[in-house]
Each structure stands twice: as structure tokens, then as C-alpha cells.
């Protein structure tokens, strides 16, 4: 049960930090060329590219977690499906907003 409480705490902290950075960089100029470490400074096109390039890292990390943990495979599979769905939603969101910005909508 302690693991679940820690996970909930981690999710809450992540949501808070993401919200703060989203608000801080909301009306700033976005970077579309060159290198930027900060995800929130990127344009939607660059966010989509970063999401696509991080996908192989997700696959490798998930395989390593699957091999080296003693957690039930059903739990890990459910976790993987949830993360994959969130990844696809993020990719779709960035693509749609990139096309909106490109067309001036």
C-alpha cells in the first residue's frame, strides 16, 4: 500500500510542476529551430518531434522494467498500455496544435 501512496504523491507533484511551467511559459516565444532543453519553450512541432524521438527510450525502459522487476506481468502490461495511451494522446495533441498554428487557426 505504501507504493501506491508514493505513486499518488509523485503524480500530484508532477501535475503541480507541469502546471507551473505551463503557466510560466504560456505567452513566451517558442523555439522552432536549434536546441532547447526546456520542453515548455518548444513549439508544438518541436514538442511532437521530441515526443517521437523519446518513444524508443520508452520501449527500452519498459523492457528493462519488465525484465528486472518482480511485479505481476498483468500489472506491468496495464501500466505499459496506460503509458502508451498517454504517449499517443500527447503526440496527437501536439500534432493538432502544430497544424492549427501552421494554418493560423
C-alpha atoms as a PDB file:
ATOM      1  CA  UNK A   1       0.000   0.000   0.000  1.00  0.00           C
ATOM      2  CA  UNK A   2       2.941   2.292   0.625  1.00  0.00           C
ATOM      3  CA  UNK A   3       3.936   2.025  -3.036  1.00  0.00           C
ATOM      4  CA  UNK A   4       0.506   3.263  -4.125  1.00  0.00           C
ATOM      5  CA  UNK A   5       0.711   6.261  -1.787  1.00  0.00           C
ATOM      6  CA  UNK A   6       4.159   7.109  -3.143  1.00  0.00           C
ATOM      7  CA  UNK A   7       2.898   6.835  -6.710  1.00  0.00           C
ATOM      8  CA  UNK A   8      -0.063   9.110  -5.988  1.00  0.00           C
ATOM      9  CA  UNK A   9       2.285  11.631  -4.345  1.00  0.00           C
ATOM     10  CA  UNK A  10       4.589  11.518  -7.375  1.00  0.00           C
ATOM     11  CA  UNK A  11       1.679  12.062  -9.783  1.00  0.00           C
ATOM     12  CA  UNK A  12       0.400  15.039  -7.751  1.00  0.00           C
ATOM     13  CA  UNK A  13       3.869  16.646  -7.660  1.00  0.00           C
ATOM     14  CA  UNK A  14       4.272  16.087 -11.413  1.00  0.00           C
ATOM     15  CA  UNK A  15       0.917  17.723 -12.141  1.00  0.00           C
ATOM     16  CA  UNK A  16       1.792  20.716  -9.958  1.00  0.00           C
ATOM     17  CA  UNK A  17       5.215  21.227 -11.574  1.00  0.00           C
ATOM     18  CA  UNK A  18       3.810  20.804 -15.082  1.00  0.00           C
ATOM     19  CA  UNK A  19       1.072  23.339 -14.348  1.00  0.00           C
ATOM     20  CA  UNK A  20       3.571  25.881 -13.014  1.00  0.00           C
ATOM     21  CA  UNK A  21       5.862  25.583 -16.042  1.00  0.00           C
ATOM     22  CA  UNK A  22       2.922  25.700 -18.453  1.00  0.00           C
ATOM     23  CA  UNK A  23       1.732  28.952 -16.899  1.00  0.00           C
ATOM     24  CA  UNK A  24       5.231  30.478 -16.785  1.00  0.00           C
ATOM     25  CA  UNK A  25       5.937  29.800 -20.466  1.00  0.00           C
ATOM     26  CA  UNK A  26       2.400  30.302 -21.798  1.00  0.00           C
ATOM     27  CA  UNK A  27       2.914  33.560 -23.694  1.00  0.00           C
ATOM     28  CA  UNK A  28       6.652  33.342 -24.344  1.00  0.00           C
ATOM     29  CA  UNK A  29       8.233  32.991 -27.770  1.00  0.00           C
ATOM     30  CA  UNK A  30       8.637  29.341 -28.704  1.00  0.00           C
ATOM     31  CA  UNK A  31      11.788  27.824 -30.197  1.00  0.00           C
ATOM     32  CA  UNK A  32      11.297  26.030 -33.514  1.00  0.00           C
ATOM     33  CA  UNK A  33      14.929  25.626 -34.575  1.00  0.00           C
ATOM     34  CA  UNK A  34      18.055  24.794 -32.668  1.00  0.00           C
ATOM     35  CA  UNK A  35      18.488  23.048 -29.350  1.00  0.00           C
ATOM     36  CA  UNK A  36      16.361  23.610 -26.248  1.00  0.00           C
ATOM     37  CA  UNK A  37      16.396  21.507 -23.102  1.00  0.00           C
ATOM     38  CA  UNK A  38      13.250  23.054 -21.662  1.00  0.00           C
ATOM     39  CA  UNK A  39      10.206  21.296 -23.147  1.00  0.00           C
ATOM     40  CA  UNK A  40       7.934  24.264 -22.422  1.00  0.00           C
ATOM     41  CA  UNK A  41       9.994  26.611 -24.620  1.00  0.00           C
ATOM     42  CA  UNK A  42       9.440  24.450 -27.708  1.00  0.00           C
ATOM     43  CA  UNK A  43       6.902  24.995 -30.462  1.00  0.00           C
ATOM     44  CA  UNK A  44       4.238  22.332 -30.968  1.00  0.00           C
ATOM     45  CA  UNK A  45       6.140  20.948 -33.955  1.00  0.00           C
ATOM     46  CA  UNK A  46       9.301  20.549 -31.882  1.00  0.00           C
ATOM     47  CA  UNK A  47       7.308  19.043 -28.996  1.00  0.00           C
ATOM     48  CA  UNK A  48       5.911  16.467 -31.400  1.00  0.00           C
ATOM     49  CA  UNK A  49       9.389  15.653 -32.700  1.00  0.00           C
ATOM     50  CA  UNK A  50      10.723  15.296 -29.154  1.00  0.00           C
ATOM     51  CA  UNK A  51       7.820  13.015 -28.286  1.00  0.00           C
ATOM     52  CA  UNK A  52       8.555  10.824 -31.306  1.00  0.00           C
ATOM     53  CA  UNK A  53      12.267  10.619 -30.546  1.00  0.00           C
ATOM     54  CA  UNK A  54      11.597   9.682 -26.914  1.00  0.00           C
ATOM     55  CA  UNK A  55       9.452   6.695 -27.922  1.00  0.00           C
ATOM     56  CA  UNK A  56      12.397   4.263 -28.380  1.00  0.00           C
ATOM     57  CA  UNK A  57      13.636   5.249 -24.908  1.00  0.00           C
ATOM     58  CA  UNK A  58      10.199   4.425 -23.526  1.00  0.00           C
ATOM     59  CA  UNK A  59      10.298   0.992 -25.145  1.00  0.00           C
ATOM     60  CA  UNK A  60      13.787   0.230 -23.770  1.00  0.00           C
ATOM     61  CA  UNK A  61      12.848   1.468 -20.286  1.00  0.00           C
ATOM     62  CA  UNK A  62       9.662  -0.592 -20.262  1.00  0.00           C
ATOM     63  CA  UNK A  63      11.505  -3.744 -21.351  1.00  0.00           C
ATOM     64  CA  UNK A  64      14.118  -3.222 -18.631  1.00  0.00           C
ATOM     65  CA  UNK A  65      11.417  -2.678 -16.013  1.00  0.00           C
ATOM     66  CA  UNK A  66       9.596  -5.797 -17.237  1.00  0.00           C
ATOM     67  CA  UNK A  67      12.773  -7.904 -17.010  1.00  0.00           C
ATOM     68  CA  UNK A  68      14.243  -6.632 -13.743  1.00  0.00           C
ATOM     69  CA  UNK A  69      11.187  -6.225 -11.528  1.00  0.00           C
ATOM     70  CA  UNK A  70       9.253  -8.948  -9.792  1.00  0.00           C
ATOM     71  CA  UNK A  71       5.898  -7.255 -10.298  1.00  0.00           C
ATOM     72  CA  UNK A  72       2.993  -9.186 -11.754  1.00  0.00           C
ATOM     73  CA  UNK A  73       3.112  -9.163 -15.556  1.00  0.00           C
ATOM     74  CA  UNK A  74      -0.571  -8.135 -15.740  1.00  0.00           C
ATOM     75  CA  UNK A  75       0.194  -5.016 -13.675  1.00  0.00           C
ATOM     76  CA  UNK A  76       3.178  -4.161 -15.865  1.00  0.00           C
ATOM     77  CA  UNK A  77       1.171  -4.722 -19.033  1.00  0.00           C
ATOM     78  CA  UNK A  78      -1.602  -2.462 -17.739  1.00  0.00           C
ATOM     79  CA  UNK A  79       0.996   0.162 -16.813  1.00  0.00           C
ATOM     80  CA  UNK A  80       2.536  -0.096 -20.283  1.00  0.00           C
ATOM     81  CA  UNK A  81      -0.813   0.273 -22.032  1.00  0.00           C
ATOM     82  CA  UNK A  82      -1.700   3.331 -19.927  1.00  0.00           C
ATOM     83  CA  UNK A  83       1.676   4.965 -20.661  1.00  0.00           C
ATOM     84  CA  UNK A  84       1.337   4.133 -24.363  1.00  0.00           C
ATOM     85  CA  UNK A  85      -2.133   5.714 -24.480  1.00  0.00           C
ATOM     86  CA  UNK A  86      -0.829   8.846 -22.746  1.00  0.00           C
ATOM     87  CA  UNK A  87       2.082   8.965 -25.201  1.00  0.00           C
ATOM     88  CA  UNK A  88      -0.285   8.730 -28.169  1.00  0.00           C
ATOM     89  CA  UNK A  89      -2.555  11.422 -26.711  1.00  0.00           C
ATOM     90  CA  UNK A  90       0.418  13.750 -26.247  1.00  0.00           C
ATOM     91  CA  UNK A  91       1.573  13.083 -29.798  1.00  0.00           C
ATOM     92  CA  UNK A  92      -1.902  13.728 -31.215  1.00  0.00           C
ATOM     93  CA  UNK A  93      -2.354  16.890 -29.132  1.00  0.00           C
ATOM     94  CA  UNK A  94       0.972  18.334 -30.309  1.00  0.00           C
ATOM     95  CA  UNK A  95       0.254  17.416 -33.933  1.00  0.00           C
ATOM     96  CA  UNK A  96      -3.197  19.028 -33.910  1.00  0.00           C
ATOM     97  CA  UNK A  97      -1.900  22.217 -32.285  1.00  0.00           C
ATOM     98  CA  UNK A  98       1.064  22.354 -34.676  1.00  0.00           C
ATOM     99  CA  UNK A  99      -1.289  22.185 -37.659  1.00  0.00           C
ATOM    100  CA  UNK A 100      -3.561  24.838 -36.097  1.00  0.00           C
ATOM    101  CA  UNK A 101      -0.601  27.195 -35.609  1.00  0.00           C
ATOM    102  CA  UNK A 102       0.666  26.463 -39.121  1.00  0.00           C
ATOM    103  CA  UNK A 103      -2.701  27.307 -40.702  1.00  0.00           C
ATOM    104  CA  UNK A 104      -3.241  30.313 -38.443  1.00  0.00           C
ATOM    105  CA  UNK A 105      -6.458  28.982 -36.956  1.00  0.00           C
END
